[in-house]
N, C-alpha and C. Protein backbone atom coordinates (compact mmCIF):
# COMPACT_ATOMS: atom_id res chain seq x y z
N MET A 1 -10.21 -27.94 20.53
CA MET A 1 -9.38 -27.89 21.80
C MET A 1 -7.92 -27.81 21.31
N THR A 2 -7.00 -27.37 22.23
CA THR A 2 -5.63 -27.09 21.94
C THR A 2 -4.83 -27.48 23.15
N THR A 3 -3.47 -27.58 22.89
CA THR A 3 -2.54 -27.58 23.90
C THR A 3 -1.71 -26.33 23.88
N LEU A 4 -1.44 -25.80 25.08
CA LEU A 4 -0.68 -24.48 25.14
C LEU A 4 0.57 -24.76 25.98
N ILE A 5 1.68 -24.31 25.38
CA ILE A 5 2.96 -24.50 26.06
C ILE A 5 3.63 -23.11 26.23
N THR A 6 3.93 -22.78 27.46
CA THR A 6 4.63 -21.49 27.70
C THR A 6 6.15 -21.67 27.43
N GLY A 7 6.79 -20.54 27.08
CA GLY A 7 8.29 -20.70 26.88
C GLY A 7 8.55 -21.66 25.73
N ALA A 8 7.87 -21.51 24.70
CA ALA A 8 8.04 -22.56 23.61
C ALA A 8 8.91 -22.02 22.42
N ASN A 9 9.70 -20.99 22.67
CA ASN A 9 10.61 -20.51 21.58
C ASN A 9 11.96 -21.20 21.56
N ARG A 10 12.32 -21.94 22.55
CA ARG A 10 13.54 -22.62 22.53
C ARG A 10 13.58 -23.79 23.55
N GLY A 11 14.66 -24.60 23.55
CA GLY A 11 14.76 -25.68 24.48
C GLY A 11 13.69 -26.67 24.59
N VAL A 12 13.37 -27.13 25.77
CA VAL A 12 12.42 -28.22 25.89
C VAL A 12 10.96 -27.76 25.42
N GLY A 13 10.63 -26.44 25.70
CA GLY A 13 9.42 -25.91 25.20
C GLY A 13 9.22 -26.04 23.64
N ALA A 14 10.19 -25.62 22.96
CA ALA A 14 10.23 -25.69 21.48
C ALA A 14 10.11 -27.11 21.03
N ALA A 15 10.84 -28.02 21.71
CA ALA A 15 10.81 -29.44 21.35
C ALA A 15 9.43 -30.07 21.68
N LEU A 16 8.88 -29.64 22.70
CA LEU A 16 7.52 -30.21 23.06
C LEU A 16 6.52 -29.64 22.13
N LEU A 17 6.63 -28.46 21.63
CA LEU A 17 5.63 -27.96 20.62
C LEU A 17 5.78 -28.66 19.36
N ALA A 18 6.95 -28.92 18.96
CA ALA A 18 7.25 -29.63 17.70
C ALA A 18 6.74 -31.08 17.77
N LYS A 19 6.82 -31.72 19.01
CA LYS A 19 6.32 -33.01 19.27
C LYS A 19 4.77 -33.08 19.09
N TYR A 20 4.18 -32.20 19.68
CA TYR A 20 2.66 -32.10 19.49
C TYR A 20 2.22 -31.94 18.05
N HIS A 21 2.96 -31.02 17.43
CA HIS A 21 2.61 -30.87 15.97
C HIS A 21 2.92 -32.11 15.18
N ALA A 22 4.01 -32.74 15.42
CA ALA A 22 4.28 -33.99 14.70
C ALA A 22 3.21 -35.06 14.92
N ALA A 23 2.68 -35.12 16.20
CA ALA A 23 1.63 -36.04 16.48
C ALA A 23 0.26 -35.73 15.95
N GLY A 24 0.20 -34.49 15.21
CA GLY A 24 -1.05 -34.10 14.65
C GLY A 24 -2.01 -33.51 15.60
N ILE A 25 -1.53 -32.99 16.79
CA ILE A 25 -2.32 -32.41 17.82
C ILE A 25 -2.26 -30.86 17.71
N ASP A 26 -3.26 -30.25 17.78
CA ASP A 26 -3.34 -28.80 17.68
C ASP A 26 -2.59 -28.27 18.93
N ALA A 27 -1.66 -27.38 18.74
CA ALA A 27 -0.85 -26.86 19.88
C ALA A 27 -0.37 -25.45 19.49
N VAL A 28 -0.33 -24.68 20.55
CA VAL A 28 0.28 -23.32 20.36
C VAL A 28 1.28 -23.04 21.45
N GLY A 29 2.25 -22.13 21.16
CA GLY A 29 3.27 -21.85 22.20
C GLY A 29 3.28 -20.36 22.50
N THR A 30 3.81 -20.08 23.56
CA THR A 30 4.09 -18.58 23.90
C THR A 30 5.54 -18.30 24.13
N SER A 31 5.82 -17.03 23.99
CA SER A 31 7.13 -16.58 24.21
C SER A 31 7.12 -14.98 24.29
N ARG A 32 8.23 -14.40 24.74
CA ARG A 32 8.37 -12.97 24.69
C ARG A 32 8.98 -12.49 23.36
N GLY A 33 8.08 -11.91 22.49
CA GLY A 33 8.58 -11.31 21.29
C GLY A 33 8.86 -12.16 20.18
N ASP A 34 8.45 -13.43 20.16
CA ASP A 34 8.62 -14.24 18.92
C ASP A 34 7.34 -14.13 18.03
N ASP A 35 7.55 -13.65 16.87
CA ASP A 35 6.33 -13.35 15.97
C ASP A 35 5.52 -14.61 15.61
N ASP A 36 6.20 -15.77 15.67
CA ASP A 36 5.59 -17.02 15.26
C ASP A 36 4.75 -17.63 16.51
N LEU A 37 4.91 -17.11 17.70
CA LEU A 37 4.22 -17.61 18.82
C LEU A 37 3.37 -16.56 19.49
N LEU A 38 2.44 -16.97 20.41
CA LEU A 38 1.68 -16.09 21.16
C LEU A 38 2.52 -15.30 22.08
N ASP A 39 2.33 -13.99 22.28
CA ASP A 39 3.16 -13.14 23.18
C ASP A 39 2.73 -13.30 24.58
N LEU A 40 3.69 -13.71 25.41
CA LEU A 40 3.39 -13.73 26.94
C LEU A 40 4.77 -13.57 27.64
N ASP A 41 4.71 -12.52 28.43
CA ASP A 41 5.78 -12.33 29.49
C ASP A 41 5.24 -12.76 30.82
N VAL A 42 5.67 -13.90 31.33
CA VAL A 42 5.02 -14.40 32.54
C VAL A 42 5.30 -13.50 33.82
N THR A 43 6.07 -12.42 33.63
CA THR A 43 6.32 -11.55 34.81
C THR A 43 5.47 -10.28 34.68
N ASP A 44 4.58 -10.15 33.65
CA ASP A 44 3.93 -8.96 33.34
C ASP A 44 2.42 -9.12 33.28
N ALA A 45 1.65 -8.53 34.30
CA ALA A 45 0.24 -8.65 34.51
C ALA A 45 -0.50 -8.28 33.18
N ALA A 46 -0.06 -7.22 32.52
CA ALA A 46 -0.79 -6.84 31.29
C ALA A 46 -0.65 -7.83 30.23
N SER A 47 0.41 -8.58 30.15
CA SER A 47 0.63 -9.58 29.17
C SER A 47 -0.32 -10.71 29.36
N PHE A 48 -0.65 -11.08 30.64
CA PHE A 48 -1.60 -12.09 30.86
C PHE A 48 -2.99 -11.64 30.45
N ALA A 49 -3.40 -10.40 30.72
CA ALA A 49 -4.66 -9.87 30.31
C ALA A 49 -4.80 -9.92 28.79
N ALA A 50 -3.78 -9.64 28.06
CA ALA A 50 -3.89 -9.64 26.61
C ALA A 50 -4.03 -11.00 26.13
N LEU A 51 -3.35 -12.00 26.75
CA LEU A 51 -3.43 -13.49 26.31
C LEU A 51 -4.83 -14.00 26.68
N ALA A 52 -5.37 -13.60 27.80
CA ALA A 52 -6.68 -14.06 28.18
C ALA A 52 -7.75 -13.58 27.13
N ASN A 53 -7.51 -12.29 26.68
CA ASN A 53 -8.43 -11.82 25.58
C ASN A 53 -8.26 -12.61 24.30
N THR A 54 -6.98 -12.81 23.97
CA THR A 54 -6.72 -13.49 22.69
C THR A 54 -7.43 -14.95 22.65
N LEU A 55 -7.29 -15.59 23.82
CA LEU A 55 -7.81 -17.00 23.93
C LEU A 55 -9.16 -17.14 24.52
N GLN A 56 -9.87 -16.05 24.61
CA GLN A 56 -11.18 -16.12 25.29
C GLN A 56 -12.05 -17.10 24.54
N GLY A 57 -12.61 -18.10 25.28
CA GLY A 57 -13.53 -19.02 24.72
C GLY A 57 -12.94 -20.24 24.06
N LYS A 58 -11.55 -20.32 24.00
CA LYS A 58 -10.83 -21.38 23.28
C LYS A 58 -10.46 -22.49 24.40
N PRO A 59 -11.04 -23.69 24.30
CA PRO A 59 -10.75 -24.74 25.21
C PRO A 59 -9.34 -25.22 25.15
N ILE A 60 -8.69 -25.38 26.25
CA ILE A 60 -7.23 -25.91 26.36
C ILE A 60 -7.26 -27.29 27.03
N GLN A 61 -6.98 -28.30 26.29
CA GLN A 61 -6.87 -29.59 26.78
C GLN A 61 -5.68 -29.84 27.66
N ASN A 62 -4.50 -29.31 27.27
CA ASN A 62 -3.29 -29.45 28.08
C ASN A 62 -2.65 -28.07 28.21
N LEU A 63 -2.54 -27.61 29.44
CA LEU A 63 -1.86 -26.41 29.75
C LEU A 63 -0.50 -26.85 30.33
N ILE A 64 0.58 -26.52 29.63
CA ILE A 64 1.91 -26.86 30.01
C ILE A 64 2.70 -25.66 30.42
N CYS A 65 2.96 -25.49 31.62
CA CYS A 65 3.77 -24.36 32.17
C CYS A 65 5.24 -24.63 32.19
N ASN A 66 5.82 -24.21 31.15
CA ASN A 66 7.33 -24.57 30.94
C ASN A 66 8.21 -23.43 31.07
N ALA A 67 7.77 -22.04 30.91
CA ALA A 67 8.59 -20.93 30.91
C ALA A 67 9.26 -20.82 32.24
N GLY A 68 10.61 -20.47 32.18
CA GLY A 68 11.30 -20.31 33.45
C GLY A 68 12.66 -19.73 33.18
N VAL A 69 13.40 -19.27 34.27
CA VAL A 69 14.68 -18.66 34.09
C VAL A 69 15.67 -19.39 35.09
N LEU A 70 16.93 -19.27 34.76
CA LEU A 70 17.96 -19.73 35.68
C LEU A 70 19.10 -18.59 35.63
N HIS A 71 19.03 -17.84 36.74
CA HIS A 71 19.94 -16.64 36.80
C HIS A 71 21.17 -16.89 37.62
N ASP A 72 21.20 -18.08 38.36
CA ASP A 72 22.30 -18.33 39.22
C ASP A 72 22.91 -19.63 38.99
N LYS A 73 23.06 -19.99 37.70
CA LYS A 73 23.69 -21.30 37.34
C LYS A 73 25.05 -21.39 37.78
N GLY A 74 25.29 -22.46 38.53
CA GLY A 74 26.61 -22.80 39.15
C GLY A 74 27.02 -21.94 40.27
N TRP A 75 26.15 -21.11 40.80
CA TRP A 75 26.58 -20.11 41.90
C TRP A 75 26.55 -20.80 43.26
N GLY A 76 27.42 -20.30 44.09
CA GLY A 76 27.49 -20.78 45.41
C GLY A 76 27.18 -19.56 46.37
N LEU A 77 27.51 -19.79 47.69
CA LEU A 77 27.28 -18.79 48.67
C LEU A 77 28.05 -17.50 48.46
N ASP A 78 29.22 -17.59 47.85
CA ASP A 78 30.06 -16.43 47.64
C ASP A 78 29.87 -15.60 46.43
N ASP A 79 28.81 -16.12 45.65
CA ASP A 79 28.50 -15.32 44.40
C ASP A 79 27.49 -14.14 44.74
N PRO A 80 27.35 -13.22 43.69
CA PRO A 80 26.69 -12.02 44.09
C PRO A 80 25.10 -12.07 44.06
N TYR A 81 24.57 -12.86 45.01
CA TYR A 81 23.16 -12.95 45.15
C TYR A 81 22.59 -11.54 45.56
N SER A 82 21.38 -11.32 45.23
CA SER A 82 20.77 -10.07 45.68
C SER A 82 19.18 -10.32 45.86
N PRO A 83 18.53 -9.51 46.55
CA PRO A 83 17.06 -9.53 46.64
C PRO A 83 16.41 -9.58 45.29
N LYS A 84 17.00 -8.71 44.35
CA LYS A 84 16.44 -8.59 43.01
C LYS A 84 16.54 -9.95 42.31
N LEU A 85 17.67 -10.54 42.43
CA LEU A 85 17.82 -11.87 41.67
C LEU A 85 16.76 -12.85 42.17
N PHE A 86 16.54 -12.93 43.45
CA PHE A 86 15.66 -13.85 44.04
C PHE A 86 14.21 -13.49 43.47
N ALA A 87 13.90 -12.13 43.52
CA ALA A 87 12.56 -11.70 43.10
C ALA A 87 12.39 -11.99 41.65
N ASP A 88 13.37 -11.76 40.88
CA ASP A 88 13.21 -11.98 39.39
C ASP A 88 12.95 -13.49 39.11
N THR A 89 13.73 -14.33 39.82
CA THR A 89 13.65 -15.80 39.68
C THR A 89 12.27 -16.24 40.01
N PHE A 90 11.68 -15.82 41.15
CA PHE A 90 10.50 -16.19 41.63
C PHE A 90 9.29 -15.69 40.77
N ALA A 91 9.54 -14.41 40.28
CA ALA A 91 8.46 -13.88 39.44
C ALA A 91 8.26 -14.75 38.12
N ALA A 92 9.25 -15.28 37.60
CA ALA A 92 9.13 -16.11 36.46
C ALA A 92 8.78 -17.57 36.67
N ASN A 93 9.45 -18.17 37.76
CA ASN A 93 9.39 -19.62 37.90
C ASN A 93 8.19 -20.03 38.93
N VAL A 94 7.72 -19.06 39.63
CA VAL A 94 6.53 -19.37 40.60
C VAL A 94 5.36 -18.56 40.30
N THR A 95 5.51 -17.21 40.49
CA THR A 95 4.29 -16.38 40.23
C THR A 95 3.87 -16.51 38.80
N GLY A 96 4.87 -16.62 37.85
CA GLY A 96 4.42 -16.77 36.48
C GLY A 96 3.61 -18.09 36.20
N VAL A 97 4.06 -19.09 36.86
CA VAL A 97 3.34 -20.41 36.71
C VAL A 97 1.89 -20.21 37.26
N PHE A 98 1.77 -19.57 38.55
CA PHE A 98 0.44 -19.42 39.16
C PHE A 98 -0.51 -18.55 38.30
N GLU A 99 0.07 -17.49 37.76
CA GLU A 99 -0.77 -16.49 36.96
C GLU A 99 -1.12 -17.14 35.62
N THR A 100 -0.27 -17.96 35.02
CA THR A 100 -0.61 -18.60 33.80
C THR A 100 -1.75 -19.52 34.06
N ILE A 101 -1.73 -20.27 35.19
CA ILE A 101 -2.88 -21.20 35.41
C ILE A 101 -4.16 -20.39 35.75
N ARG A 102 -4.02 -19.39 36.66
CA ARG A 102 -5.21 -18.57 36.92
C ARG A 102 -5.84 -17.92 35.69
N THR A 103 -4.98 -17.44 34.82
CA THR A 103 -5.52 -16.74 33.65
C THR A 103 -6.17 -17.67 32.72
N LEU A 104 -5.64 -18.88 32.56
CA LEU A 104 -6.24 -19.78 31.55
C LEU A 104 -7.04 -20.86 32.11
N LEU A 105 -7.33 -20.82 33.36
CA LEU A 105 -8.18 -21.86 33.95
C LEU A 105 -9.56 -21.96 33.36
N PRO A 106 -10.19 -20.84 33.02
CA PRO A 106 -11.48 -20.92 32.31
C PRO A 106 -11.37 -21.76 31.02
N ASN A 107 -10.23 -21.60 30.33
CA ASN A 107 -10.03 -22.38 29.09
C ASN A 107 -9.89 -23.88 29.42
N VAL A 108 -9.10 -24.20 30.45
CA VAL A 108 -8.84 -25.54 30.80
C VAL A 108 -10.22 -26.15 31.30
N ARG A 109 -10.98 -25.43 32.08
CA ARG A 109 -12.29 -25.89 32.48
C ARG A 109 -13.20 -26.22 31.28
N ALA A 110 -13.15 -25.39 30.33
CA ALA A 110 -13.98 -25.56 29.08
C ALA A 110 -13.72 -26.85 28.36
N ALA A 111 -12.42 -27.42 28.53
CA ALA A 111 -12.01 -28.58 27.87
C ALA A 111 -12.08 -29.82 28.78
N ASN A 112 -12.41 -29.60 30.05
CA ASN A 112 -12.14 -30.66 31.08
C ASN A 112 -10.74 -31.09 30.89
N GLY A 113 -9.81 -30.14 30.88
CA GLY A 113 -8.40 -30.40 30.60
C GLY A 113 -7.60 -30.75 31.73
N LYS A 114 -6.26 -30.61 31.58
CA LYS A 114 -5.35 -30.93 32.67
C LYS A 114 -4.12 -29.99 32.57
N ILE A 115 -3.34 -29.94 33.63
CA ILE A 115 -2.25 -28.93 33.71
C ILE A 115 -0.92 -29.64 34.13
N ALA A 116 0.14 -29.31 33.40
CA ALA A 116 1.42 -29.81 33.58
C ALA A 116 2.37 -28.72 33.99
N ILE A 117 3.09 -28.85 35.02
CA ILE A 117 4.10 -27.89 35.52
C ILE A 117 5.45 -28.49 35.36
N ILE A 118 6.32 -27.87 34.51
CA ILE A 118 7.76 -28.35 34.30
C ILE A 118 8.56 -27.71 35.54
N SER A 119 8.90 -28.53 36.51
CA SER A 119 9.70 -28.11 37.55
C SER A 119 11.03 -28.60 37.41
N SER A 120 11.72 -29.13 38.39
CA SER A 120 13.05 -29.74 38.29
C SER A 120 13.35 -30.64 39.48
N GLN A 121 14.16 -31.53 39.25
CA GLN A 121 14.74 -32.29 40.46
C GLN A 121 15.46 -31.40 41.45
N MET A 122 15.89 -30.29 40.99
CA MET A 122 16.60 -29.35 41.85
C MET A 122 15.71 -28.66 42.85
N GLY A 123 14.38 -28.92 42.74
CA GLY A 123 13.40 -28.49 43.72
C GLY A 123 13.10 -29.52 44.69
N SER A 124 13.68 -30.71 44.63
CA SER A 124 13.39 -31.77 45.48
C SER A 124 14.04 -31.58 46.88
N ASN A 125 13.34 -31.69 48.02
CA ASN A 125 13.97 -31.54 49.28
C ASN A 125 14.95 -32.70 49.53
N THR A 126 14.81 -33.85 48.83
CA THR A 126 15.69 -34.98 49.18
C THR A 126 16.97 -34.97 48.24
N LEU A 127 17.03 -33.90 47.34
CA LEU A 127 18.23 -33.82 46.56
C LEU A 127 18.79 -32.40 46.81
N ALA A 128 19.15 -32.16 48.00
CA ALA A 128 19.64 -30.86 48.39
C ALA A 128 21.18 -30.93 48.34
N THR A 129 21.76 -30.71 47.20
CA THR A 129 23.14 -30.92 46.91
C THR A 129 24.00 -29.53 46.98
N GLY A 130 23.11 -28.48 47.31
CA GLY A 130 23.78 -27.19 47.56
C GLY A 130 23.90 -26.41 46.29
N GLY A 131 24.17 -24.98 46.46
CA GLY A 131 24.31 -24.10 45.37
C GLY A 131 23.02 -23.77 44.58
N ASN A 132 23.07 -22.89 43.61
CA ASN A 132 21.88 -22.57 42.79
C ASN A 132 20.75 -22.17 43.67
N TYR A 133 20.92 -21.41 44.67
CA TYR A 133 19.92 -21.19 45.69
C TYR A 133 18.57 -20.67 45.21
N ALA A 134 18.66 -19.60 44.38
CA ALA A 134 17.41 -19.01 43.97
C ALA A 134 16.63 -19.96 43.03
N TYR A 135 17.41 -20.58 42.12
CA TYR A 135 16.69 -21.49 41.23
C TYR A 135 16.14 -22.77 41.97
N ARG A 136 16.91 -23.32 42.87
CA ARG A 136 16.37 -24.37 43.69
C ARG A 136 15.13 -24.07 44.45
N ALA A 137 15.26 -22.87 45.14
CA ALA A 137 14.10 -22.47 45.91
C ALA A 137 12.83 -22.15 45.10
N SER A 138 12.99 -21.67 43.96
CA SER A 138 11.91 -21.41 43.05
C SER A 138 11.32 -22.67 42.48
N LYS A 139 11.98 -23.71 42.29
CA LYS A 139 11.55 -24.91 41.67
C LYS A 139 10.90 -25.78 42.85
N ALA A 140 11.37 -25.62 44.08
CA ALA A 140 10.75 -26.24 45.14
C ALA A 140 9.35 -25.64 45.41
N ALA A 141 9.27 -24.25 45.28
CA ALA A 141 7.97 -23.58 45.36
C ALA A 141 7.13 -23.95 44.26
N ALA A 142 7.57 -24.15 43.04
CA ALA A 142 6.70 -24.50 41.95
C ALA A 142 6.11 -25.97 42.19
N LEU A 143 6.92 -26.86 42.79
CA LEU A 143 6.46 -28.24 43.20
C LEU A 143 5.34 -28.10 44.17
N ASN A 144 5.58 -27.28 45.21
CA ASN A 144 4.52 -27.09 46.29
C ASN A 144 3.34 -26.48 45.68
N LEU A 145 3.46 -25.55 44.77
CA LEU A 145 2.28 -24.86 44.13
C LEU A 145 1.55 -25.95 43.38
N GLY A 146 2.17 -26.69 42.61
CA GLY A 146 1.51 -27.73 41.78
C GLY A 146 0.73 -28.77 42.67
N ARG A 147 1.28 -29.11 43.76
CA ARG A 147 0.57 -30.15 44.62
C ARG A 147 -0.57 -29.52 45.36
N ASN A 148 -0.49 -28.27 45.70
CA ASN A 148 -1.73 -27.66 46.26
C ASN A 148 -2.78 -27.31 45.24
N LEU A 149 -2.38 -27.04 44.01
CA LEU A 149 -3.40 -26.79 42.98
C LEU A 149 -4.08 -28.14 42.70
N ALA A 150 -3.39 -29.21 42.69
CA ALA A 150 -3.95 -30.55 42.51
C ALA A 150 -5.05 -30.76 43.56
N THR A 151 -4.81 -30.42 44.74
CA THR A 151 -5.87 -30.49 45.79
C THR A 151 -7.12 -29.68 45.51
N ASP A 152 -6.85 -28.39 45.22
CA ASP A 152 -8.03 -27.56 44.99
C ASP A 152 -8.77 -27.83 43.76
N LEU A 153 -8.12 -28.34 42.66
CA LEU A 153 -8.78 -28.57 41.42
C LEU A 153 -9.37 -30.03 41.33
N ALA A 154 -9.00 -30.85 42.20
CA ALA A 154 -9.54 -32.20 42.22
C ALA A 154 -11.02 -32.31 42.21
N PRO A 155 -11.81 -31.52 42.94
CA PRO A 155 -13.24 -31.59 42.96
C PRO A 155 -13.82 -31.27 41.52
N GLU A 156 -13.02 -30.50 40.60
CA GLU A 156 -13.49 -30.24 39.28
C GLU A 156 -12.92 -31.25 38.26
N GLY A 157 -12.27 -32.31 38.76
CA GLY A 157 -11.67 -33.40 37.85
C GLY A 157 -10.63 -32.82 36.90
N ILE A 158 -9.91 -31.78 37.34
CA ILE A 158 -8.76 -31.26 36.61
C ILE A 158 -7.43 -31.76 37.30
N ALA A 159 -6.67 -32.61 36.60
CA ALA A 159 -5.45 -33.21 37.10
C ALA A 159 -4.28 -32.32 36.91
N VAL A 160 -3.41 -32.31 37.94
CA VAL A 160 -2.21 -31.45 37.78
C VAL A 160 -0.96 -32.40 37.97
N GLY A 161 -0.07 -32.31 37.13
CA GLY A 161 1.18 -33.09 37.25
C GLY A 161 2.42 -32.07 37.24
N ILE A 162 3.42 -32.60 38.06
CA ILE A 162 4.64 -31.82 38.10
C ILE A 162 5.68 -32.71 37.62
N TYR A 163 6.61 -32.21 36.75
CA TYR A 163 7.57 -33.04 36.08
C TYR A 163 9.00 -32.47 36.06
N HIS A 164 9.96 -33.40 36.25
CA HIS A 164 11.33 -33.13 36.11
C HIS A 164 11.65 -33.51 34.66
N PRO A 165 12.11 -32.58 33.83
CA PRO A 165 12.36 -32.87 32.40
C PRO A 165 13.62 -33.62 32.09
N GLY A 166 14.46 -33.92 33.11
CA GLY A 166 15.75 -34.47 32.88
C GLY A 166 16.82 -33.39 32.78
N TRP A 167 18.06 -33.81 32.81
CA TRP A 167 19.16 -32.86 32.68
C TRP A 167 19.36 -32.76 31.17
N VAL A 168 18.92 -31.72 30.51
CA VAL A 168 18.77 -31.67 29.10
C VAL A 168 19.88 -30.80 28.39
N ARG A 169 20.29 -31.20 27.31
CA ARG A 169 21.22 -30.33 26.51
C ARG A 169 20.44 -29.16 25.84
N THR A 170 20.53 -28.10 26.63
CA THR A 170 19.96 -26.86 26.19
C THR A 170 20.84 -25.69 26.68
N ASP A 171 20.50 -24.39 26.40
CA ASP A 171 21.28 -23.36 26.85
C ASP A 171 21.37 -23.33 28.35
N MET A 172 20.23 -23.80 28.97
CA MET A 172 20.16 -23.80 30.47
C MET A 172 20.93 -25.04 31.00
N GLY A 173 20.77 -26.17 30.31
CA GLY A 173 21.36 -27.35 30.96
C GLY A 173 22.79 -27.55 30.51
N GLY A 174 23.25 -27.03 29.43
CA GLY A 174 24.62 -27.06 28.97
C GLY A 174 24.92 -28.28 28.02
N ASP A 175 26.09 -28.18 27.49
CA ASP A 175 26.41 -29.24 26.37
C ASP A 175 26.67 -30.64 26.92
N THR A 176 27.02 -30.70 28.26
CA THR A 176 27.32 -31.99 28.83
C THR A 176 26.23 -32.72 29.54
N ALA A 177 25.03 -32.18 29.40
CA ALA A 177 23.84 -32.79 30.00
C ALA A 177 23.55 -34.11 29.47
N ASP A 178 22.72 -34.88 30.14
CA ASP A 178 22.44 -36.31 29.86
C ASP A 178 21.70 -36.56 28.56
N ILE A 179 20.59 -35.83 28.36
CA ILE A 179 19.76 -36.22 27.27
C ILE A 179 19.39 -35.06 26.36
N SER A 180 18.85 -35.38 25.10
CA SER A 180 18.57 -34.31 24.16
C SER A 180 17.24 -33.75 24.44
N MET A 181 16.98 -32.56 23.83
CA MET A 181 15.65 -31.92 23.92
C MET A 181 14.56 -32.93 23.42
N GLU A 182 14.88 -33.55 22.41
CA GLU A 182 13.87 -34.50 21.77
C GLU A 182 13.48 -35.53 22.70
N ASP A 183 14.57 -36.22 23.43
CA ASP A 183 14.26 -37.26 24.31
C ASP A 183 13.38 -36.78 25.47
N SER A 184 13.71 -35.54 26.02
CA SER A 184 12.89 -35.05 27.01
C SER A 184 11.53 -34.73 26.62
N ALA A 185 11.35 -34.10 25.45
CA ALA A 185 10.00 -33.80 24.96
C ALA A 185 9.21 -35.09 24.65
N ASN A 186 9.79 -36.14 24.15
CA ASN A 186 9.08 -37.33 23.94
C ASN A 186 8.61 -37.91 25.25
N GLY A 187 9.37 -37.91 26.28
CA GLY A 187 9.03 -38.45 27.56
C GLY A 187 7.94 -37.61 28.18
N LEU A 188 8.08 -36.34 28.19
CA LEU A 188 7.13 -35.46 28.78
C LEU A 188 5.71 -35.62 28.02
N PHE A 189 5.81 -35.75 26.73
CA PHE A 189 4.58 -35.89 25.93
C PHE A 189 3.80 -37.16 26.49
N ASP A 190 4.51 -38.24 26.71
CA ASP A 190 3.98 -39.51 27.23
C ASP A 190 3.40 -39.27 28.65
N ARG A 191 4.14 -38.60 29.54
CA ARG A 191 3.76 -38.37 30.93
C ARG A 191 2.46 -37.50 30.92
N ILE A 192 2.35 -36.57 30.16
CA ILE A 192 1.22 -35.65 30.03
C ILE A 192 -0.03 -36.39 29.56
N ALA A 193 0.26 -37.23 28.52
CA ALA A 193 -0.84 -38.05 27.95
C ALA A 193 -1.46 -38.98 29.01
N ASP A 194 -0.55 -39.55 29.90
CA ASP A 194 -0.96 -40.46 30.93
C ASP A 194 -1.63 -39.88 32.14
N LEU A 195 -1.36 -38.52 32.33
CA LEU A 195 -1.91 -37.84 33.49
C LEU A 195 -3.38 -37.90 33.69
N ASN A 196 -3.87 -38.34 34.82
CA ASN A 196 -5.31 -38.48 35.05
C ASN A 196 -5.51 -38.27 36.54
N MET A 197 -6.72 -38.28 37.01
CA MET A 197 -6.98 -38.03 38.38
C MET A 197 -6.40 -38.87 39.32
N ALA A 198 -6.11 -40.12 38.92
CA ALA A 198 -5.41 -41.00 39.83
C ALA A 198 -4.02 -40.58 40.15
N LYS A 199 -3.47 -39.86 39.14
CA LYS A 199 -2.12 -39.40 39.29
C LYS A 199 -1.94 -37.88 39.73
N THR A 200 -3.03 -37.21 39.86
CA THR A 200 -2.96 -35.79 40.15
C THR A 200 -2.08 -35.51 41.32
N GLY A 201 -1.21 -34.44 41.21
CA GLY A 201 -0.31 -34.15 42.31
C GLY A 201 0.99 -34.88 42.23
N CYS A 202 1.19 -35.73 41.19
CA CYS A 202 2.40 -36.52 41.08
C CYS A 202 3.55 -35.65 40.70
N PHE A 203 4.78 -36.08 41.15
CA PHE A 203 6.02 -35.47 40.74
C PHE A 203 6.85 -36.58 40.07
N GLU A 204 6.93 -36.56 38.80
CA GLU A 204 7.56 -37.58 38.02
C GLU A 204 8.69 -37.10 37.13
N THR A 205 9.53 -38.03 36.74
CA THR A 205 10.64 -37.74 35.84
C THR A 205 10.13 -37.81 34.41
N TRP A 206 10.86 -37.32 33.49
CA TRP A 206 10.50 -37.29 32.07
C TRP A 206 10.32 -38.74 31.59
N ASP A 207 11.03 -39.72 32.21
CA ASP A 207 10.87 -41.11 31.72
C ASP A 207 10.05 -41.98 32.55
N GLY A 208 9.13 -41.30 33.36
CA GLY A 208 8.10 -41.98 34.10
C GLY A 208 8.34 -42.56 35.41
N GLN A 209 9.42 -42.15 36.07
CA GLN A 209 9.79 -42.53 37.39
C GLN A 209 9.16 -41.59 38.47
N ASP A 210 8.69 -42.11 39.54
CA ASP A 210 8.23 -41.23 40.68
C ASP A 210 9.43 -40.61 41.24
N HIS A 211 9.37 -39.25 41.32
CA HIS A 211 10.54 -38.52 41.83
C HIS A 211 10.32 -38.27 43.42
N PRO A 212 11.37 -38.48 44.19
CA PRO A 212 11.26 -38.04 45.65
C PRO A 212 10.99 -36.58 45.75
N LEU A 213 10.06 -36.30 46.81
CA LEU A 213 9.74 -34.96 46.97
C LEU A 213 10.85 -34.18 47.67
């Protein structure tokens, strides 16, 4: 059995992959075009088909959907939003998550595994502080997606958790963010290890707090 992490070439995904390896747990990551990782473009149907073929028959204990984009960082109403920007954001952050799970669900079933979706507190309806409209909307959709998947997969005993990784010092989070990639990865590692059917559908922070929806 293995753990699979999408978007593992940098940031929290790379730190998570390193954490699993350091813990002696078999883990693989995906990225677009990194020769050291499995190839996956979460906006490309053909890429999913190729990944399914590569991983056919391999049980996945932990499927961690981490890949995502932020195209409107710091933007407000007067910035140059477009239908394409929204479409590109949702293709990666929502449809990409859904298709990752649908593609690899046979592998998760084979392991009686579980699924983790890395969302964001910016998708919370109770933290509507404005701006970053495409990103916020996509992360709210990812949260909703995860909670509905938890309902549909509960009869199979497959737990689904949704997580806020913290405000992390990455290219996306910026240099002034609160925590390091390693702190985030260590916390998420523990959250995913603790995920079970009693917690399925949870929305938690990297350090184990229940996050308001």
